[in-house]
Amino acid sequence: MLQQQRGIQHTEQEITMTEQHEQWQALEIRRPDDVPAVTPLSWQFDKLYRHSERLMNLALPSDFPYPVEVAGAEDAVAAIALGESIRRDIEYARGTRARQALELGATVADVAGALDMDEDQVRELLRTWADGQRLLWQSTTDDGRPPLGLSPDAYADFLAFLDQADADR
């Protein structure tokens, strides 16, 4: 079902996303773990920008002619925590994106170029990523949660795929 807001039609899913975004905007961030899992990077960057803008306003002269919001300690702490959350998200995604690139037909050399690494470093990155995904699968199934990560079979398949990518070089 579509609803009309400001002359634009929106689906129920988009409206729910808007509500989630409003909840995110109201959330106080003091630690990287305060950022909910799978929060879009664009949302994190937007919140970081707002805190950073207030921090930059501290450098304005006291007689600045326009009203501005000035930062407090909470802005500095939030900017640090958001920066760390973003760094972690980007770092975590490296292995996932490298795997996706290979599965979509990129070569190990292509991925190495994109990451500014040599091919052996890419293989190590992917093996480390696969090990983490296998451990994630094990921990979620051990805890009775829906499995996340690579099952033992998927792990073995990925390592075989990676070995084949090595053989093709």
N, C-alpha and C. Protein backbone atom coordinates (compact mmCIF):
# COMPACT_ATOMS: atom_id res chain seq x y z
N MET A 1 0.84 -1.18 0.00
CA MET A 1 0.00 0.00 0.00
C MET A 1 0.88 1.24 0.00
N LEU A 2 0.56 2.19 -0.82
CA LEU A 2 1.31 3.44 -0.89
C LEU A 2 0.62 4.51 -0.08
N GLN A 3 1.40 5.35 0.55
CA GLN A 3 0.88 6.49 1.27
C GLN A 3 1.52 7.75 0.70
N GLN A 4 0.83 8.85 0.82
CA GLN A 4 1.31 10.12 0.29
C GLN A 4 1.90 10.96 1.42
N GLN A 5 3.14 11.41 1.27
CA GLN A 5 3.77 12.32 2.21
C GLN A 5 4.47 13.41 1.40
N ARG A 6 4.15 14.66 1.67
CA ARG A 6 4.76 15.79 0.98
C ARG A 6 4.68 15.64 -0.54
N GLY A 7 3.60 15.10 -1.03
CA GLY A 7 3.42 14.98 -2.46
C GLY A 7 4.17 13.83 -3.09
N ILE A 8 4.84 13.00 -2.29
CA ILE A 8 5.60 11.86 -2.81
C ILE A 8 4.95 10.59 -2.28
N GLN A 9 4.82 9.59 -3.14
CA GLN A 9 4.24 8.34 -2.70
C GLN A 9 5.32 7.48 -2.05
N HIS A 10 4.98 6.86 -0.92
CA HIS A 10 5.90 6.01 -0.18
C HIS A 10 5.25 4.68 0.12
N THR A 11 6.04 3.60 0.10
CA THR A 11 5.54 2.30 0.49
C THR A 11 5.59 2.19 2.01
N GLU A 12 4.89 1.19 2.55
CA GLU A 12 4.92 0.95 3.99
C GLU A 12 6.35 0.69 4.46
N GLN A 13 7.14 -0.03 3.66
CA GLN A 13 8.52 -0.31 4.03
C GLN A 13 9.32 0.98 4.15
N GLU A 14 9.12 1.91 3.25
CA GLU A 14 9.82 3.19 3.32
C GLU A 14 9.40 3.98 4.56
N ILE A 15 8.14 3.91 4.91
CA ILE A 15 7.66 4.62 6.09
C ILE A 15 8.27 4.01 7.34
N THR A 16 8.34 2.67 7.41
CA THR A 16 8.98 2.01 8.54
C THR A 16 10.43 2.43 8.63
N MET A 17 11.11 2.51 7.48
CA MET A 17 12.50 2.94 7.46
C MET A 17 12.61 4.37 7.99
N THR A 18 11.66 5.20 7.67
CA THR A 18 11.66 6.57 8.19
C THR A 18 11.55 6.56 9.70
N GLU A 19 10.68 5.71 10.24
CA GLU A 19 10.55 5.61 11.69
C GLU A 19 11.85 5.11 12.31
N GLN A 20 12.49 4.13 11.67
CA GLN A 20 13.77 3.64 12.18
C GLN A 20 14.82 4.75 12.14
N HIS A 21 14.79 5.55 11.08
CA HIS A 21 15.76 6.65 10.97
C HIS A 21 15.52 7.68 12.07
N GLU A 22 14.26 7.96 12.36
CA GLU A 22 13.96 8.90 13.44
C GLU A 22 14.45 8.37 14.78
N GLN A 23 14.28 7.06 15.02
CA GLN A 23 14.80 6.45 16.25
C GLN A 23 16.32 6.56 16.30
N TRP A 24 16.96 6.32 15.15
CA TRP A 24 18.40 6.44 15.07
C TRP A 24 18.85 7.87 15.38
N GLN A 25 18.15 8.85 14.81
CA GLN A 25 18.53 10.24 15.02
C GLN A 25 18.46 10.62 16.50
N ALA A 26 17.51 10.02 17.22
CA ALA A 26 17.34 10.35 18.64
C ALA A 26 18.32 9.58 19.54
N LEU A 27 18.98 8.57 19.00
CA LEU A 27 19.86 7.72 19.80
C LEU A 27 21.15 8.44 20.16
N GLU A 28 21.50 8.40 21.42
CA GLU A 28 22.77 8.99 21.88
C GLU A 28 23.86 7.94 21.74
N ILE A 29 24.94 8.32 21.08
CA ILE A 29 26.06 7.40 20.86
C ILE A 29 27.22 7.84 21.74
N ARG A 30 27.68 6.92 22.59
CA ARG A 30 28.83 7.20 23.46
C ARG A 30 29.93 6.15 23.28
N ARG A 31 29.55 5.03 22.69
CA ARG A 31 30.49 3.93 22.44
C ARG A 31 30.18 3.35 21.07
N PRO A 32 31.15 2.77 20.40
CA PRO A 32 30.87 2.17 19.08
C PRO A 32 29.75 1.12 19.13
N ASP A 33 29.68 0.39 20.24
CA ASP A 33 28.65 -0.64 20.37
C ASP A 33 27.25 -0.08 20.60
N ASP A 34 27.13 1.24 20.80
CA ASP A 34 25.81 1.87 20.88
C ASP A 34 25.15 1.94 19.50
N VAL A 35 25.93 1.78 18.45
CA VAL A 35 25.40 1.81 17.09
C VAL A 35 24.80 0.43 16.81
N PRO A 36 23.49 0.36 16.55
CA PRO A 36 22.87 -0.94 16.28
C PRO A 36 23.50 -1.63 15.06
N ALA A 37 23.55 -2.94 15.13
CA ALA A 37 24.07 -3.71 13.99
C ALA A 37 23.30 -3.34 12.73
N VAL A 38 23.98 -3.37 11.63
CA VAL A 38 23.46 -3.07 10.28
C VAL A 38 22.88 -1.66 10.14
N THR A 39 23.35 -0.72 10.95
CA THR A 39 22.96 0.67 10.74
C THR A 39 23.66 1.14 9.47
N PRO A 40 22.94 1.68 8.52
CA PRO A 40 23.58 2.10 7.27
C PRO A 40 24.72 3.09 7.53
N LEU A 41 25.78 2.92 6.79
CA LEU A 41 26.92 3.83 6.93
C LEU A 41 26.50 5.27 6.68
N SER A 42 25.60 5.48 5.73
CA SER A 42 25.17 6.85 5.43
C SER A 42 24.54 7.51 6.66
N TRP A 43 23.80 6.74 7.45
CA TRP A 43 23.20 7.28 8.67
C TRP A 43 24.30 7.63 9.68
N GLN A 44 25.29 6.74 9.80
CA GLN A 44 26.38 6.99 10.74
C GLN A 44 27.18 8.23 10.32
N PHE A 45 27.46 8.35 9.03
CA PHE A 45 28.20 9.52 8.54
C PHE A 45 27.42 10.80 8.77
N ASP A 46 26.11 10.75 8.56
CA ASP A 46 25.29 11.94 8.76
C ASP A 46 25.35 12.38 10.22
N LYS A 47 25.22 11.44 11.14
CA LYS A 47 25.27 11.77 12.57
C LYS A 47 26.67 12.27 12.94
N LEU A 48 27.70 11.64 12.40
CA LEU A 48 29.06 12.09 12.65
C LEU A 48 29.25 13.51 12.14
N TYR A 49 28.73 13.80 10.97
CA TYR A 49 28.86 15.14 10.39
C TYR A 49 28.22 16.20 11.31
N ARG A 50 27.03 15.89 11.84
CA ARG A 50 26.35 16.87 12.70
C ARG A 50 27.15 17.16 13.97
N HIS A 51 27.73 16.10 14.57
CA HIS A 51 28.57 16.31 15.75
C HIS A 51 29.84 17.08 15.36
N SER A 52 30.42 16.72 14.24
CA SER A 52 31.66 17.38 13.79
C SER A 52 31.43 18.84 13.45
N GLU A 53 30.28 19.14 12.89
CA GLU A 53 29.97 20.54 12.57
C GLU A 53 29.94 21.39 13.84
N ARG A 54 29.31 20.86 14.87
CA ARG A 54 29.29 21.60 16.14
C ARG A 54 30.70 21.74 16.71
N LEU A 55 31.51 20.70 16.56
CA LEU A 55 32.90 20.78 17.03
C LEU A 55 33.68 21.82 16.24
N MET A 56 33.48 21.89 14.95
CA MET A 56 34.17 22.90 14.13
C MET A 56 33.74 24.31 14.51
N ASN A 57 32.50 24.46 14.96
CA ASN A 57 32.01 25.78 15.36
C ASN A 57 32.77 26.34 16.56
N LEU A 58 33.45 25.48 17.31
CA LEU A 58 34.24 25.95 18.45
C LEU A 58 35.37 26.87 17.99
N ALA A 59 35.79 26.72 16.74
CA ALA A 59 36.89 27.54 16.22
C ALA A 59 36.43 28.92 15.75
N LEU A 60 35.13 29.15 15.71
CA LEU A 60 34.62 30.45 15.26
C LEU A 60 34.90 31.52 16.30
N PRO A 61 35.09 32.75 15.85
CA PRO A 61 35.33 33.82 16.83
C PRO A 61 34.09 34.07 17.68
N SER A 62 34.30 34.57 18.86
CA SER A 62 33.18 34.80 19.79
C SER A 62 32.19 35.82 19.23
N ASP A 63 32.63 36.68 18.34
CA ASP A 63 31.73 37.68 17.75
C ASP A 63 31.20 37.25 16.38
N PHE A 64 31.19 35.93 16.12
CA PHE A 64 30.66 35.43 14.84
C PHE A 64 29.24 35.95 14.67
N PRO A 65 28.92 36.51 13.49
CA PRO A 65 27.66 37.24 13.34
C PRO A 65 26.40 36.37 13.21
N TYR A 66 26.53 35.08 13.09
CA TYR A 66 25.35 34.23 12.91
C TYR A 66 25.23 33.24 14.05
N PRO A 67 24.03 32.86 14.37
CA PRO A 67 23.87 31.86 15.45
C PRO A 67 24.34 30.48 14.97
N VAL A 68 25.06 29.81 15.82
CA VAL A 68 25.54 28.46 15.51
C VAL A 68 25.41 27.59 16.76
N GLU A 69 25.31 26.29 16.52
CA GLU A 69 25.32 25.35 17.64
C GLU A 69 26.78 25.07 17.99
N VAL A 70 27.10 25.10 19.26
CA VAL A 70 28.46 24.85 19.71
C VAL A 70 28.49 23.49 20.42
N ALA A 71 29.57 22.80 20.23
CA ALA A 71 29.73 21.45 20.76
C ALA A 71 29.93 21.43 22.26
N GLY A 72 29.56 20.30 22.82
CA GLY A 72 29.89 19.97 24.19
C GLY A 72 30.72 18.70 24.17
N ALA A 73 31.11 18.25 25.33
CA ALA A 73 31.91 17.03 25.43
C ALA A 73 31.19 15.84 24.80
N GLU A 74 29.85 15.83 24.91
CA GLU A 74 29.09 14.72 24.33
C GLU A 74 29.26 14.64 22.81
N ASP A 75 29.45 15.78 22.16
CA ASP A 75 29.69 15.78 20.71
C ASP A 75 31.05 15.16 20.39
N ALA A 76 32.06 15.52 21.15
CA ALA A 76 33.40 14.96 20.91
C ALA A 76 33.40 13.46 21.14
N VAL A 77 32.77 13.01 22.22
CA VAL A 77 32.71 11.57 22.52
C VAL A 77 31.93 10.84 21.43
N ALA A 78 30.80 11.41 21.03
CA ALA A 78 29.99 10.79 19.98
C ALA A 78 30.76 10.72 18.67
N ALA A 79 31.49 11.76 18.32
CA ALA A 79 32.26 11.75 17.08
C ALA A 79 33.33 10.66 17.10
N ILE A 80 33.98 10.49 18.24
CA ILE A 80 34.98 9.42 18.36
C ILE A 80 34.32 8.06 18.22
N ALA A 81 33.22 7.84 18.93
CA ALA A 81 32.53 6.55 18.90
C ALA A 81 31.98 6.24 17.51
N LEU A 82 31.40 7.23 16.85
CA LEU A 82 30.88 7.02 15.50
C LEU A 82 32.00 6.73 14.51
N GLY A 83 33.11 7.46 14.64
CA GLY A 83 34.25 7.19 13.77
C GLY A 83 34.75 5.78 13.92
N GLU A 84 34.80 5.30 15.15
CA GLU A 84 35.25 3.93 15.40
C GLU A 84 34.24 2.92 14.86
N SER A 85 32.97 3.17 15.02
CA SER A 85 31.95 2.27 14.49
C SER A 85 32.05 2.18 12.96
N ILE A 86 32.22 3.32 12.32
CA ILE A 86 32.36 3.36 10.86
C ILE A 86 33.62 2.61 10.44
N ARG A 87 34.72 2.84 11.14
CA ARG A 87 35.97 2.15 10.81
C ARG A 87 35.79 0.64 10.91
N ARG A 88 35.14 0.19 11.97
CA ARG A 88 34.90 -1.25 12.15
C ARG A 88 34.03 -1.80 11.03
N ASP A 89 32.96 -1.08 10.70
CA ASP A 89 32.07 -1.55 9.63
C ASP A 89 32.80 -1.68 8.30
N ILE A 90 33.62 -0.70 7.99
CA ILE A 90 34.36 -0.73 6.73
C ILE A 90 35.40 -1.84 6.76
N GLU A 91 36.08 -1.98 7.87
CA GLU A 91 37.08 -3.04 8.00
C GLU A 91 36.42 -4.41 7.87
N TYR A 92 35.30 -4.60 8.54
CA TYR A 92 34.60 -5.88 8.48
C TYR A 92 34.16 -6.20 7.05
N ALA A 93 33.75 -5.20 6.33
CA ALA A 93 33.22 -5.42 4.97
C ALA A 93 34.31 -5.78 3.97
N ARG A 94 35.57 -5.55 4.28
CA ARG A 94 36.63 -5.84 3.31
C ARG A 94 36.61 -7.29 2.86
N GLY A 95 36.55 -8.21 3.79
CA GLY A 95 36.54 -9.63 3.44
C GLY A 95 35.29 -10.01 2.67
N THR A 96 34.15 -9.49 3.13
CA THR A 96 32.89 -9.77 2.45
C THR A 96 32.92 -9.27 1.02
N ARG A 97 33.37 -8.04 0.83
CA ARG A 97 33.41 -7.47 -0.53
C ARG A 97 34.43 -8.18 -1.40
N ALA A 98 35.57 -8.56 -0.83
CA ALA A 98 36.58 -9.30 -1.60
C ALA A 98 36.00 -10.65 -2.06
N ARG A 99 35.31 -11.34 -1.17
CA ARG A 99 34.68 -12.61 -1.54
C ARG A 99 33.66 -12.40 -2.64
N GLN A 100 32.81 -11.38 -2.48
CA GLN A 100 31.80 -11.10 -3.49
C GLN A 100 32.45 -10.80 -4.84
N ALA A 101 33.51 -10.02 -4.83
CA ALA A 101 34.18 -9.68 -6.09
C ALA A 101 34.68 -10.94 -6.79
N LEU A 102 35.31 -11.84 -6.04
CA LEU A 102 35.79 -13.08 -6.64
C LEU A 102 34.64 -13.93 -7.17
N GLU A 103 33.58 -14.03 -6.39
CA GLU A 103 32.44 -14.84 -6.82
C GLU A 103 31.75 -14.25 -8.04
N LEU A 104 31.89 -12.94 -8.23
CA LEU A 104 31.29 -12.28 -9.39
C LEU A 104 32.23 -12.24 -10.59
N GLY A 105 33.41 -12.85 -10.45
CA GLY A 105 34.29 -12.98 -11.60
C GLY A 105 35.57 -12.16 -11.56
N ALA A 106 35.78 -11.35 -10.54
CA ALA A 106 37.04 -10.61 -10.44
C ALA A 106 38.16 -11.60 -10.13
N THR A 107 39.35 -11.24 -10.48
CA THR A 107 40.52 -12.06 -10.15
C THR A 107 41.08 -11.62 -8.81
N VAL A 108 41.93 -12.47 -8.24
CA VAL A 108 42.62 -12.10 -7.01
C VAL A 108 43.45 -10.85 -7.26
N ALA A 109 44.03 -10.73 -8.45
CA ALA A 109 44.82 -9.54 -8.80
C ALA A 109 43.93 -8.30 -8.82
N ASP A 110 42.71 -8.43 -9.34
CA ASP A 110 41.77 -7.30 -9.34
C ASP A 110 41.49 -6.83 -7.92
N VAL A 111 41.22 -7.78 -7.05
CA VAL A 111 40.91 -7.46 -5.65
C VAL A 111 42.14 -6.86 -4.97
N ALA A 112 43.30 -7.43 -5.25
CA ALA A 112 44.54 -6.90 -4.67
C ALA A 112 44.73 -5.44 -5.07
N GLY A 113 44.48 -5.13 -6.33
CA GLY A 113 44.60 -3.75 -6.78
C GLY A 113 43.62 -2.83 -6.08
N ALA A 114 42.39 -3.30 -5.92
CA ALA A 114 41.36 -2.49 -5.26
C ALA A 114 41.69 -2.22 -3.80
N LEU A 115 42.35 -3.17 -3.15
CA LEU A 115 42.70 -3.03 -1.74
C LEU A 115 44.12 -2.49 -1.53
N ASP A 116 44.84 -2.26 -2.64
CA ASP A 116 46.23 -1.82 -2.56
C ASP A 116 47.06 -2.79 -1.72
N MET A 117 46.89 -4.07 -2.04
CA MET A 117 47.61 -5.15 -1.37
C MET A 117 48.25 -6.02 -2.43
N ASP A 118 49.11 -6.94 -2.00
CA ASP A 118 49.55 -7.95 -2.94
C ASP A 118 48.59 -9.14 -2.85
N GLU A 119 48.71 -10.05 -3.79
CA GLU A 119 47.75 -11.16 -3.88
C GLU A 119 47.81 -12.07 -2.65
N ASP A 120 48.98 -12.28 -2.09
CA ASP A 120 49.09 -13.11 -0.88
C ASP A 120 48.35 -12.47 0.29
N GLN A 121 48.41 -11.15 0.40
CA GLN A 121 47.67 -10.46 1.47
C GLN A 121 46.17 -10.62 1.28
N VAL A 122 45.71 -10.60 0.03
CA VAL A 122 44.28 -10.80 -0.24
C VAL A 122 43.86 -12.21 0.17
N ARG A 123 44.67 -13.19 -0.19
CA ARG A 123 44.34 -14.57 0.20
C ARG A 123 44.29 -14.71 1.72
N GLU A 124 45.22 -14.07 2.41
CA GLU A 124 45.22 -14.12 3.87
C GLU A 124 43.98 -13.43 4.43
N LEU A 125 43.64 -12.27 3.87
CA LEU A 125 42.42 -11.56 4.27
C LEU A 125 41.20 -12.47 4.11
N LEU A 126 41.11 -13.14 2.98
CA LEU A 126 39.95 -14.00 2.72
C LEU A 126 39.93 -15.23 3.61
N ARG A 127 41.08 -15.81 3.88
CA ARG A 127 41.12 -16.96 4.80
C ARG A 127 40.74 -16.53 6.22
N THR A 128 41.24 -15.38 6.64
CA THR A 128 40.88 -14.85 7.96
C THR A 128 39.39 -14.56 8.02
N TRP A 129 38.84 -13.97 6.96
CA TRP A 129 37.40 -13.70 6.89
C TRP A 129 36.62 -15.01 6.99
N ALA A 130 37.03 -16.03 6.22
CA ALA A 130 36.33 -17.32 6.23
C ALA A 130 36.41 -17.96 7.62
N ASP A 131 37.57 -17.89 8.26
CA ASP A 131 37.70 -18.44 9.62
C ASP A 131 36.72 -17.75 10.57
N GLY A 132 36.64 -16.43 10.48
CA GLY A 132 35.70 -15.68 11.32
C GLY A 132 34.26 -16.06 11.05
N GLN A 133 33.93 -16.25 9.77
CA GLN A 133 32.57 -16.63 9.42
C GLN A 133 32.23 -18.05 9.92
N ARG A 134 33.22 -18.94 9.88
CA ARG A 134 33.02 -20.30 10.41
C ARG A 134 32.79 -20.24 11.92
N LEU A 135 33.60 -19.44 12.61
CA LEU A 135 33.42 -19.29 14.06
C LEU A 135 32.08 -18.64 14.40
N LEU A 136 31.65 -17.68 13.59
CA LEU A 136 30.34 -17.05 13.79
C LEU A 136 29.24 -18.09 13.65
N TRP A 137 29.32 -18.92 12.62
CA TRP A 137 28.31 -19.97 12.42
C TRP A 137 28.29 -20.90 13.64
N GLN A 138 29.48 -21.29 14.09
CA GLN A 138 29.56 -22.21 15.22
C GLN A 138 28.96 -21.58 16.48
N SER A 139 29.30 -20.32 16.75
CA SER A 139 28.81 -19.70 17.98
C SER A 139 27.30 -19.47 17.94
N THR A 140 26.77 -19.10 16.79
CA THR A 140 25.32 -18.89 16.74
C THR A 140 24.56 -20.20 16.86
N THR A 141 25.06 -21.26 16.24
CA THR A 141 24.36 -22.54 16.36
C THR A 141 24.52 -23.13 17.76
N ASP A 142 25.69 -22.93 18.37
CA ASP A 142 25.90 -23.42 19.74
C ASP A 142 24.95 -22.74 20.72
N ASP A 143 24.64 -21.46 20.46
CA ASP A 143 23.76 -20.69 21.34
C ASP A 143 22.28 -20.89 21.01
N GLY A 144 21.99 -21.70 20.00
CA GLY A 144 20.60 -21.96 19.63
C GLY A 144 19.98 -20.84 18.81
N ARG A 145 20.80 -19.92 18.32
CA ARG A 145 20.29 -18.83 17.49
C ARG A 145 20.29 -19.26 16.04
N PRO A 146 19.53 -18.57 15.19
CA PRO A 146 19.60 -18.88 13.76
C PRO A 146 21.04 -18.72 13.27
N PRO A 147 21.52 -19.66 12.48
CA PRO A 147 22.93 -19.61 12.09
C PRO A 147 23.27 -18.42 11.19
N LEU A 148 24.39 -17.82 11.51
CA LEU A 148 24.99 -16.76 10.70
C LEU A 148 26.39 -17.23 10.34
N GLY A 149 26.92 -16.75 9.24
CA GLY A 149 28.27 -17.10 8.86
C GLY A 149 28.31 -18.30 7.94
N LEU A 150 29.46 -18.98 7.92
CA LEU A 150 29.67 -20.11 7.02
C LEU A 150 29.55 -21.43 7.79
N SER A 151 28.66 -22.29 7.31
CA SER A 151 28.57 -23.64 7.86
C SER A 151 29.87 -24.37 7.54
N PRO A 152 30.11 -25.51 8.18
CA PRO A 152 31.34 -26.26 7.84
C PRO A 152 31.42 -26.59 6.34
N ASP A 153 30.31 -26.95 5.73
CA ASP A 153 30.32 -27.25 4.29
C ASP A 153 30.59 -26.00 3.46
N ALA A 154 29.94 -24.88 3.82
CA ALA A 154 30.16 -23.63 3.08
C ALA A 154 31.60 -23.15 3.27
N TYR A 155 32.15 -23.36 4.45
CA TYR A 155 33.53 -22.98 4.72
C TYR A 155 34.48 -23.78 3.83
N ALA A 156 34.27 -25.09 3.78
CA ALA A 156 35.10 -25.95 2.94
C ALA A 156 34.95 -25.57 1.46
N ASP A 157 33.71 -25.28 1.05
CA ASP A 157 33.48 -24.87 -0.35
C ASP A 157 34.21 -23.57 -0.66
N PHE A 158 34.18 -22.62 0.28
CA PHE A 158 34.85 -21.34 0.03
C PHE A 158 36.36 -21.54 -0.07
N LEU A 159 36.94 -22.33 0.84
CA LEU A 159 38.39 -22.56 0.77
C LEU A 159 38.76 -23.27 -0.53
N ALA A 160 37.92 -24.20 -0.98
CA ALA A 160 38.17 -24.85 -2.27
C ALA A 160 38.07 -23.84 -3.41
N PHE A 161 37.09 -22.95 -3.33
CA PHE A 161 36.94 -21.89 -4.33
C PHE A 161 38.19 -21.01 -4.34
N LEU A 162 38.67 -20.65 -3.17
CA LEU A 162 39.86 -19.80 -3.07
C LEU A 162 41.08 -20.54 -3.61
N ASP A 163 41.20 -21.85 -3.30
CA ASP A 163 42.30 -22.63 -3.85
C ASP A 163 42.24 -22.69 -5.37
N GLN A 164 41.02 -22.80 -5.91
CA GLN A 164 40.85 -22.81 -7.36
C GLN A 164 41.25 -21.46 -7.96
N ALA A 165 40.89 -20.38 -7.26
CA ALA A 165 41.30 -19.05 -7.72
C ALA A 165 42.82 -18.96 -7.73
N ASP A 166 43.48 -19.58 -6.73
CA ASP A 166 44.93 -19.60 -6.70
C ASP A 166 45.49 -20.40 -7.88
N ALA A 167 44.84 -21.54 -8.17
CA ALA A 167 45.30 -22.40 -9.26
C ALA A 167 45.15 -21.71 -10.62
N ASP A 168 44.18 -20.82 -10.72
CA ASP A 168 43.91 -20.14 -11.99
C ASP A 168 44.89 -18.99 -12.26
N ARG A 169 45.75 -18.68 -11.32
CA ARG A 169 46.65 -17.54 -11.54
C ARG A 169 47.81 -17.85 -12.41
